[in-house]
Protein backbone atom coordinates (compact mmCIF):
# COMPACT_ATOMS: atom_id res chain seq x y z
CA UNK A 1 0.00 0.00 0.00
CA UNK A 2 1.35 3.42 -0.95
CA UNK A 3 2.57 5.59 1.91
CA UNK A 4 2.84 9.36 2.01
CA UNK A 5 6.04 10.75 3.51
CA UNK A 6 5.56 14.04 5.33
CA UNK A 7 7.82 16.82 6.56
CA UNK A 8 8.88 15.66 10.05
CA UNK A 9 8.65 17.82 13.16
CA UNK A 10 12.17 18.21 14.54
CA UNK A 11 11.85 20.26 17.68
CA UNK A 12 8.91 21.51 19.67
CA UNK A 13 8.99 24.96 18.04
CA UNK A 14 9.73 23.91 14.45
CA UNK A 15 7.13 25.21 12.01
CA UNK A 16 8.65 24.33 8.65
CA UNK A 17 11.70 22.92 6.93
CA UNK A 18 13.45 23.58 3.63
CA UNK A 19 13.86 20.58 1.35
CA UNK A 20 17.37 21.19 0.03
CA UNK A 21 18.05 17.92 -1.84
CA UNK A 22 16.30 14.78 -3.00
CA UNK A 23 18.60 11.79 -2.44
CA UNK A 24 16.28 9.45 -4.40
CA UNK A 25 14.50 10.24 -7.66
CA UNK A 26 11.10 9.20 -8.92
CA UNK A 27 11.08 5.60 -10.09
CA UNK A 28 13.97 4.49 -7.87
CA UNK A 29 13.61 1.64 -5.40
CA UNK A 30 13.94 2.47 -1.74
CA UNK A 31 13.93 0.47 1.48
CA UNK A 32 12.51 1.51 4.81
CA UNK A 33 15.20 3.46 6.64
CA UNK A 34 17.01 4.58 3.49
CA UNK A 35 17.70 8.31 3.18
CA UNK A 36 15.10 9.91 0.93
CA UNK A 37 15.92 13.60 1.24
CA UNK A 38 17.89 16.23 3.10
CA UNK A 39 16.05 19.06 4.81
CA UNK A 40 17.31 22.19 6.51
CA UNK A 41 15.72 23.16 9.81
CA UNK A 42 16.43 25.92 12.29
CA UNK A 43 19.04 23.61 13.78
CA UNK A 44 20.86 21.72 11.06
CA UNK A 45 20.73 19.85 7.80
CA UNK A 46 18.92 16.60 8.57
CA UNK A 47 18.58 13.39 6.58
CA UNK A 48 14.96 12.23 6.21
CA UNK A 49 14.55 8.47 6.03
CA UNK A 50 11.79 6.67 4.16
CA UNK A 51 9.18 5.13 6.45
CA UNK A 52 8.25 2.54 3.81
CA UNK A 53 9.83 0.22 1.25
CA UNK A 54 8.94 0.24 -2.42
CA UNK A 55 9.42 2.65 -5.29
CA UNK A 56 9.56 6.44 -5.10
CA UNK A 57 6.39 7.09 -7.04
CA UNK A 58 6.06 10.85 -6.65
CA UNK A 59 8.14 13.73 -5.33
CA UNK A 60 5.62 16.36 -4.28
CA UNK A 61 7.90 19.34 -3.65
CA UNK A 62 10.87 20.87 -5.43
CA UNK A 63 14.34 21.27 -4.04
CA UNK A 64 14.62 24.59 -2.21
CA UNK A 65 10.97 24.65 -1.17
CA UNK A 66 9.88 25.59 2.34
CA UNK A 67 7.41 23.02 3.62
CA UNK A 68 5.24 23.19 6.76
CA UNK A 69 5.62 20.32 9.20
CA UNK A 70 3.26 17.45 8.46
CA UNK A 71 2.84 18.46 4.82
CA UNK A 72 3.26 15.65 2.20
CA UNK A 73 6.63 15.63 0.43
CA UNK A 74 6.70 12.25 -1.35
CA UNK A 75 4.78 9.05 -2.04
CA UNK A 76 6.38 5.60 -1.79
CA UNK A 77 4.50 2.53 -3.03
CA UNK A 78 4.44 -0.42 -5.39
CA UNK A 79 5.75 0.00 -8.94
CA UNK A 80 2.33 -0.63 -10.54
CA UNK A 81 0.18 0.47 -7.66
CA UNK A 82 -2.41 3.13 -8.27
CA UNK A 83 -1.61 6.15 -6.13
CA UNK A 84 -3.71 9.10 -5.11
CA UNK A 85 -2.12 12.52 -4.86
CA UNK A 86 -2.84 14.57 -1.73
CA UNK A 87 -5.83 16.85 -2.10
CA UNK A 88 -5.72 20.58 -1.65
CA UNK A 89 -4.54 23.72 -3.36
CA UNK A 90 -0.91 24.14 -4.21
CA UNK A 91 0.91 25.63 -1.29
CA UNK A 92 4.22 27.32 -0.75
CA UNK A 93 6.15 24.06 -0.67
CA UNK A 94 4.49 22.34 -3.64
CA UNK A 95 5.94 22.05 -7.10
CA UNK A 96 5.52 25.08 -9.27
CA UNK A 97 6.02 27.59 -6.44
CA UNK A 98 9.59 26.86 -5.51
CA UNK A 99 11.85 29.66 -4.35
CA UNK A 100 15.43 29.63 -5.67
CA UNK A 101 17.58 27.09 -3.84
CA UNK A 102 20.40 29.48 -3.10
CA UNK A 103 18.69 32.86 -3.23
CA UNK A 104 20.94 35.54 -1.81
CA UNK A 105 19.02 37.79 0.60
CA UNK A 106 19.57 41.51 0.19
CA UNK A 107 20.91 43.58 3.09
CA UNK A 108 18.49 45.81 4.95
CA UNK A 109 20.17 48.86 3.39
CA UNK A 110 22.65 49.27 0.51
CA UNK A 111 26.32 49.68 1.31
CA UNK A 112 27.98 52.57 -0.56
CA UNK A 113 30.88 51.45 -2.66
CA UNK A 114 33.00 54.25 -1.21
CA UNK A 115 33.18 52.29 2.05
CA UNK A 116 35.23 49.54 0.47
CA UNK A 117 38.58 50.42 1.98
CA UNK A 118 41.82 48.51 2.13
CA UNK A 119 44.00 48.82 5.24
CA UNK A 120 47.62 47.77 5.29
CA UNK A 121 51.04 48.65 6.74
CA UNK A 122 52.18 52.30 6.59
CA UNK A 123 54.52 52.98 3.68
CA UNK A 124 57.57 54.98 4.77
CA UNK A 125 61.21 55.36 3.80
CA UNK A 126 63.83 53.76 6.10
CA UNK A 127 65.04 57.22 7.18
CA UNK A 128 61.49 58.34 7.93
CA UNK A 129 60.91 55.24 10.05
CA UNK A 130 64.07 55.90 12.07
CA UNK A 131 63.16 59.55 12.57
CA UNK A 132 59.64 58.51 13.63
CA UNK A 133 61.00 56.09 16.23
CA UNK A 134 63.45 58.62 17.62
CA UNK A 135 60.90 61.44 17.75
CA UNK A 136 57.91 59.38 18.90
CA UNK A 137 55.92 60.13 15.75
CA UNK A 138 52.95 57.92 14.89
CA UNK A 139 53.44 57.14 11.19
CA UNK A 140 49.86 55.91 10.79
CA UNK A 141 48.59 59.45 11.43
CA UNK A 142 50.71 61.13 8.73
CA UNK A 143 49.75 61.82 5.14
CA UNK A 144 52.81 60.88 3.10
CA UNK A 145 53.97 63.19 0.30
CA UNK A 146 56.40 60.76 -1.30
CA UNK A 147 55.74 58.50 -4.31
CA UNK A 148 52.53 56.52 -3.85
CA UNK A 149 51.76 58.25 -0.55
CA UNK A 150 55.04 57.13 1.03
CA UNK A 151 56.01 58.96 4.25
CA UNK A 152 59.39 60.59 3.72
CA UNK A 153 61.86 62.74 5.70
CA UNK A 154 60.16 66.07 5.00
CA UNK A 155 56.83 64.74 6.38
CA UNK A 156 58.49 63.90 9.71
CA UNK A 157 60.25 67.26 9.81
CA UNK A 158 57.00 69.09 9.08
CA UNK A 159 55.23 67.20 11.89
CA UNK A 160 58.03 68.04 14.33
CA UNK A 161 58.17 71.66 13.29
CA UNK A 162 54.44 72.25 13.51
CA UNK A 163 53.62 70.04 16.48
CA UNK A 164 50.77 68.65 14.44
CA UNK A 165 49.25 65.27 13.74
CA UNK A 166 51.50 62.28 14.15
CA UNK A 167 53.18 63.22 17.43
CA UNK A 168 52.31 60.99 20.36
CA UNK A 169 52.80 63.38 23.31
CA UNK A 170 50.13 64.53 25.74
CA UNK A 171 50.37 68.35 25.72
CA UNK A 172 48.08 70.66 23.80
CA UNK A 173 49.12 72.24 20.48
CA UNK A 174 49.48 75.63 22.22
CA UNK A 175 51.96 74.32 24.75
CA UNK A 176 55.55 75.58 24.32
CA UNK A 177 56.62 71.95 24.43
CA UNK A 178 54.19 70.82 21.72
CA UNK A 179 56.92 70.58 19.11
CA UNK A 180 58.83 68.19 21.35
CA UNK A 181 56.11 66.15 23.03
CA UNK A 182 53.41 66.31 20.37
CA UNK A 183 49.72 67.10 20.28
CA UNK A 184 46.64 65.11 21.21
CA UNK A 185 44.50 66.84 18.60
CA UNK A 186 43.59 65.06 15.37
CA UNK A 187 43.72 67.30 12.34
CA UNK A 188 42.35 64.78 9.85
CA UNK A 189 39.66 62.16 10.29
CA UNK A 190 40.71 58.57 10.97
CA UNK A 191 39.30 56.11 8.51
CA UNK A 192 38.48 52.49 9.25
CA UNK A 193 37.12 49.42 7.60
CA UNK A 194 33.63 49.51 6.15
CA UNK A 195 30.71 48.20 8.19
CA UNK A 196 29.72 44.70 7.24
CA UNK A 197 26.09 43.57 7.16
CA UNK A 198 25.52 39.82 7.34
CA UNK A 199 22.27 37.94 7.05
CA UNK A 200 21.53 35.63 9.96
CA UNK A 201 21.41 31.93 9.16
CA UNK A 202 18.35 29.97 10.16
CA UNK A 203 20.34 28.47 13.02
CA UNK A 204 21.37 31.86 14.39
CA UNK A 205 17.81 33.15 13.98
CA UNK A 206 16.53 30.15 15.92
CA UNK A 207 19.10 30.65 18.67
CA UNK A 208 18.20 34.34 18.92
CA UNK A 209 14.48 33.59 19.07
CA UNK A 210 14.69 30.72 21.54
CA UNK A 211 17.20 32.31 23.89
CA UNK A 212 15.31 35.61 23.95
CA UNK A 213 12.12 33.74 24.72
CA UNK A 214 13.87 31.72 27.42
CA UNK A 215 15.37 34.72 29.21
CA UNK A 216 12.16 36.74 28.93
CA UNK A 217 9.72 34.05 30.02
CA UNK A 218 11.66 31.57 32.17
CA UNK A 219 12.61 32.73 35.69
CA UNK A 220 16.21 31.51 35.90
CA UNK A 221 18.19 31.00 39.08
CA UNK A 222 21.74 29.71 39.41
CA UNK A 223 23.71 27.48 41.77
CA UNK A 224 27.47 26.96 41.46
CA UNK A 225 29.76 24.29 42.87
CA UNK A 226 33.48 23.51 42.72
CA UNK A 227 34.36 19.85 42.18
CA UNK A 228 37.44 17.90 43.17
CA UNK A 229 38.61 16.26 39.96
CA UNK A 230 41.74 14.34 41.00
CA UNK A 231 39.97 10.98 40.96
CA UNK A 232 38.38 11.57 37.52
CA UNK A 233 41.68 12.67 36.01
CA UNK A 234 43.49 9.63 37.41
CA UNK A 235 40.79 7.15 36.33
CA UNK A 236 40.58 8.70 32.88
CA UNK A 237 44.33 8.27 32.42
CA UNK A 238 44.18 4.63 33.49
CA UNK A 239 41.28 3.81 31.17
CA UNK A 240 42.75 5.66 28.19
CA UNK A 241 45.94 3.61 28.49
CA UNK A 242 43.87 0.63 27.31
CA UNK A 243 41.86 2.41 24.61
CA UNK A 244 42.81 3.21 21.00
CA UNK A 245 43.31 6.88 20.11
CA UNK A 246 39.89 7.25 18.47
CA UNK A 247 38.09 5.90 21.56
CA UNK A 248 39.84 7.75 24.36
CA UNK A 249 37.56 9.22 26.99
CA UNK A 250 37.20 12.94 27.59
CA UNK A 251 36.46 14.66 30.89
CA UNK A 252 33.08 15.59 29.40
CA UNK A 253 32.19 11.91 28.99
CA UNK A 254 32.51 11.45 32.76
CA UNK A 255 30.40 14.56 33.36
CA UNK A 256 27.62 13.38 31.03
CA UNK A 257 27.40 10.01 32.80
CA UNK A 258 27.58 11.58 36.26
CA UNK A 259 24.79 14.04 35.40
CA UNK A 260 22.56 11.22 34.15
CA UNK A 261 22.98 9.23 37.36
CA UNK A 262 22.41 12.31 39.54
CA UNK A 263 19.19 13.04 37.63
CA UNK A 264 17.85 9.66 38.73
CA UNK A 265 17.84 11.06 42.25
CA UNK A 266 16.28 14.37 41.21
CA UNK A 267 13.58 13.70 38.61
CA UNK A 268 12.19 17.18 39.10
CA UNK A 269 15.20 18.53 37.21
CA UNK A 270 14.72 16.01 34.41
CA UNK A 271 11.48 17.73 33.55
CA UNK A 272 9.61 20.27 31.44
CA UNK A 273 7.30 23.08 32.49
CA UNK A 274 3.89 22.81 30.82
CA UNK A 275 1.61 25.57 32.07
CA UNK A 276 -0.30 24.29 35.09
CA UNK A 277 1.72 21.07 35.29
CA UNK A 278 5.28 19.75 35.19
CA UNK A 279 6.20 16.77 33.03
CA UNK A 280 8.79 14.55 34.69
CA UNK A 281 10.37 12.55 31.90
CA UNK A 282 10.75 8.81 32.31
CA UNK A 283 13.88 8.65 30.16
CA UNK A 284 17.05 10.55 30.97
CA UNK A 285 18.29 11.97 27.66
CA UNK A 286 21.28 14.25 28.13
CA UNK A 287 21.84 16.91 25.48
CA UNK A 288 25.42 18.01 24.84
CA UNK A 289 25.97 21.43 23.25
CA UNK A 290 28.32 21.27 20.25
CA UNK A 291 29.94 24.30 18.65
CA UNK A 292 29.16 24.42 14.92
CA UNK A 293 29.58 27.07 12.26
CA UNK A 294 27.45 30.11 13.15
CA UNK A 295 26.09 28.69 16.38
CA UNK A 296 25.45 25.77 18.69
CA UNK A 297 23.69 22.48 18.16
CA UNK A 298 22.65 20.06 20.90
CA UNK A 299 23.22 16.36 20.24
CA UNK A 300 21.34 13.95 22.46
CA UNK A 301 22.54 10.86 24.32
CA UNK A 302 19.41 8.74 24.88
CA UNK A 303 18.83 6.75 28.09
CA UNK A 304 22.21 8.00 29.25
CA UNK A 305 21.92 6.62 32.78
CA UNK A 306 21.90 3.07 31.39
CA UNK A 307 24.75 3.48 28.89
CA UNK A 308 28.34 2.43 29.66
CA UNK A 309 30.83 5.28 29.75
CA UNK A 310 32.59 4.03 26.60
CA UNK A 311 29.32 3.92 24.64
CA UNK A 312 28.43 7.46 25.73
CA UNK A 313 31.82 8.65 24.53
CA UNK A 314 31.56 6.91 21.14
CA UNK A 315 28.02 8.10 20.46
CA UNK A 316 28.65 11.73 21.45
CA UNK A 317 31.77 11.82 19.24
CA UNK A 318 29.82 10.41 16.30
CA UNK A 319 26.93 12.84 16.68
CA UNK A 320 29.21 15.83 17.27
CA UNK A 321 31.15 15.03 14.10
CA UNK A 322 27.91 14.85 12.12
CA UNK A 323 26.75 18.15 13.59
CA UNK A 324 29.97 19.90 12.58
CA UNK A 325 29.70 18.46 9.08
CA UNK A 326 26.18 19.90 8.85
CA UNK A 327 24.45 16.52 8.57
CA UNK A 328 22.75 14.78 11.45
CA UNK A 329 19.90 12.32 11.89
CA UNK A 330 16.69 13.62 13.45
CA UNK A 331 17.05 11.29 16.42
CA UNK A 332 20.53 12.69 17.13
CA UNK A 333 19.26 16.17 17.96
CA UNK A 334 15.80 15.59 19.41
CA UNK A 335 14.40 14.47 22.75
CA UNK A 336 16.84 15.95 25.26
CA UNK A 337 15.49 16.25 28.81
CA UNK A 338 18.51 18.03 30.35
CA UNK A 339 21.44 19.81 28.70
CA UNK A 340 25.14 20.33 29.35
CA UNK A 341 27.21 23.19 27.93
CA UNK A 342 30.93 22.61 28.45
CA UNK A 343 33.45 25.36 27.63
CA UNK A 344 36.30 23.69 29.46
CA UNK A 345 38.26 23.10 26.27
CA UNK A 346 38.47 26.89 25.84
CA UNK A 347 40.11 27.39 29.24
CA UNK A 348 36.97 28.99 30.69
CA UNK A 349 36.91 29.02 34.48
CA UNK A 350 33.14 29.34 34.90
CA UNK A 351 30.04 30.76 33.22
CA UNK A 352 26.26 30.47 33.26
CA UNK A 353 24.06 29.11 30.47
CA UNK A 354 20.54 29.93 29.30
CA UNK A 355 17.96 27.18 29.71
CA UNK A 356 16.95 25.42 26.50
CA UNK A 357 13.11 25.29 26.59
CA UNK A 358 11.13 23.26 27.38
CA UNK A 359 13.80 21.72 29.63
CA UNK A 360 13.88 22.76 33.28
CA UNK A 361 17.65 23.07 33.69
CA UNK A 362 21.07 23.24 32.03
CA UNK A 363 24.56 22.72 33.47
CA UNK A 364 27.41 25.05 32.46
CA UNK A 365 30.84 23.46 32.92
CA UNK A 366 34.24 25.16 33.07
CA UNK A 367 37.78 23.81 32.80
CA UNK A 368 39.29 21.14 35.02
CA UNK A 369 42.51 22.83 36.07
CA UNK A 370 45.37 22.48 38.53
CA UNK A 371 45.12 25.18 41.19
CA UNK A 372 46.43 25.83 44.72
CA UNK A 373 44.06 24.30 47.30
CA UNK A 374 44.06 24.35 51.08
CA UNK A 375 43.45 21.07 52.91
CA UNK A 376 44.10 20.44 56.60
CA UNK A 377 45.78 23.80 56.88
CA UNK A 378 48.28 23.10 54.12
CA UNK A 379 48.55 24.42 50.57
CA UNK A 380 48.98 21.90 47.77
CA UNK A 381 48.21 21.54 44.08
CA UNK A 382 44.84 19.98 43.22
CA UNK A 383 42.50 19.49 40.27
CA UNK A 384 39.35 21.60 40.49
CA UNK A 385 36.42 22.28 38.16
CA UNK A 386 33.59 24.79 38.54
CA UNK A 387 30.07 24.24 37.25
CA UNK A 388 26.83 26.23 37.45
CA UNK A 389 23.32 24.91 37.03
CA UNK A 390 20.60 27.20 35.64
CA UNK A 391 17.13 26.16 36.79
CA UNK A 392 13.57 27.15 35.93
CA UNK A 393 12.20 28.50 39.22
CA UNK A 394 8.69 27.46 38.18
CA UNK A 395 9.82 23.85 38.41
CA UNK A 396 12.38 23.74 41.21
CA UNK A 397 14.09 25.81 43.87
CA UNK A 398 17.53 26.55 45.22
CA UNK A 399 17.66 23.81 47.84
CA UNK A 400 16.87 21.08 45.33
CA UNK A 401 19.40 22.45 42.82
CA UNK A 402 22.07 22.58 45.54
CA UNK A 403 21.36 18.98 46.52
CA UNK A 404 21.65 17.93 42.87
CA UNK A 405 25.05 19.59 42.66
CA UNK A 406 26.12 17.71 45.81
CA UNK A 407 24.94 14.43 44.29
CA UNK A 408 26.92 15.22 41.16
CA UNK A 409 29.98 15.71 43.36
CA UNK A 410 29.65 12.18 44.74
CA UNK A 411 29.85 10.72 41.23
CA UNK A 412 32.70 12.95 40.08
CA UNK A 413 34.74 12.61 43.25
CA UNK A 414 34.19 8.83 43.42
CA UNK A 415 34.14 8.05 39.66
CA UNK A 416 34.19 4.26 40.09
CA UNK A 417 30.45 4.74 40.69
CA UNK A 418 30.21 5.57 36.96
CA UNK A 419 31.55 2.16 35.97
CA UNK A 420 29.25 -0.08 38.03
């Protein structure tokens, strides 16, 4: 029986997707699970799999078309089977009304060509450069009179004689010492590079919309904690000695597993706010923020509390690589119930993150670093890591968030718990 493939809903706030490429053509055989098309959403380029086996009988939209979620995009059925096309008027995404695939949006206002400036090193003769160094003259502020605008000896002498532009002193031009120490006045305007207007990608537009909505509508509060990381660092080294290079564990892998186990104890943080009720999710699906071109994308480790540490590591690496390449599967980026944003690899000590709706919380993680610590009245070197949880105050409160952070400490400071 013929089956109609529709535009999938990838995210609770997704309204439409752009069909950027058909992977299969009309008349080609296809199996259930094979990639049929690639669509662009607010988050990423996603491969759409066929939900049926048979022959691609009809492609209902053109490449480049914007299609509302749930709208038909293709029909898969038997080779000789009679098919019935979806009823209804042609819409924005149907064939015959396709926008250009790579249409270049126009800037909000035209840029004058006179603003196209080139900046480079100051051209000056060797003698002029020496005189400038000796006399504390800023060459970049002089208008050269030599060939091709080159600053030459007479330009330096004129600046010194007149106490004008180019001298780097601090007295006024009327000071008797102006000729020696220079002037702070600027006789000619300083030019710079032209302003650049860029059009926001769909991903950046989505981030702007969602984060603005989150900060404006979700009452955030924050709880920070500093974790002892000696045990994690030592265990990680021991385990990595037995693993091949492409499977070595990161500090973030330990954090993801520890968060999942701590959420078992605090289901109120593995939740979503839904008006007059709170939905506590049965599965613990930890989202991991990945830096991609022009933004962030969250890949999702499903049922993380049940997964071995090595499996978590392998899956997150695979999904992160797909995200950076611009191609992910829908299931890789959907369904997170709690998120982690880790900037430790950028040597960030600590920060706070904005909650990703409809989740109730997100954990912001800084670097694990060696620092001086005081224990039993003595100073020694220890591994420490700071993290801050942002929580929706409509769902939880400070005491519960603090207890979660303490539970997380038990798993990170006794990491063998993550292996059993």
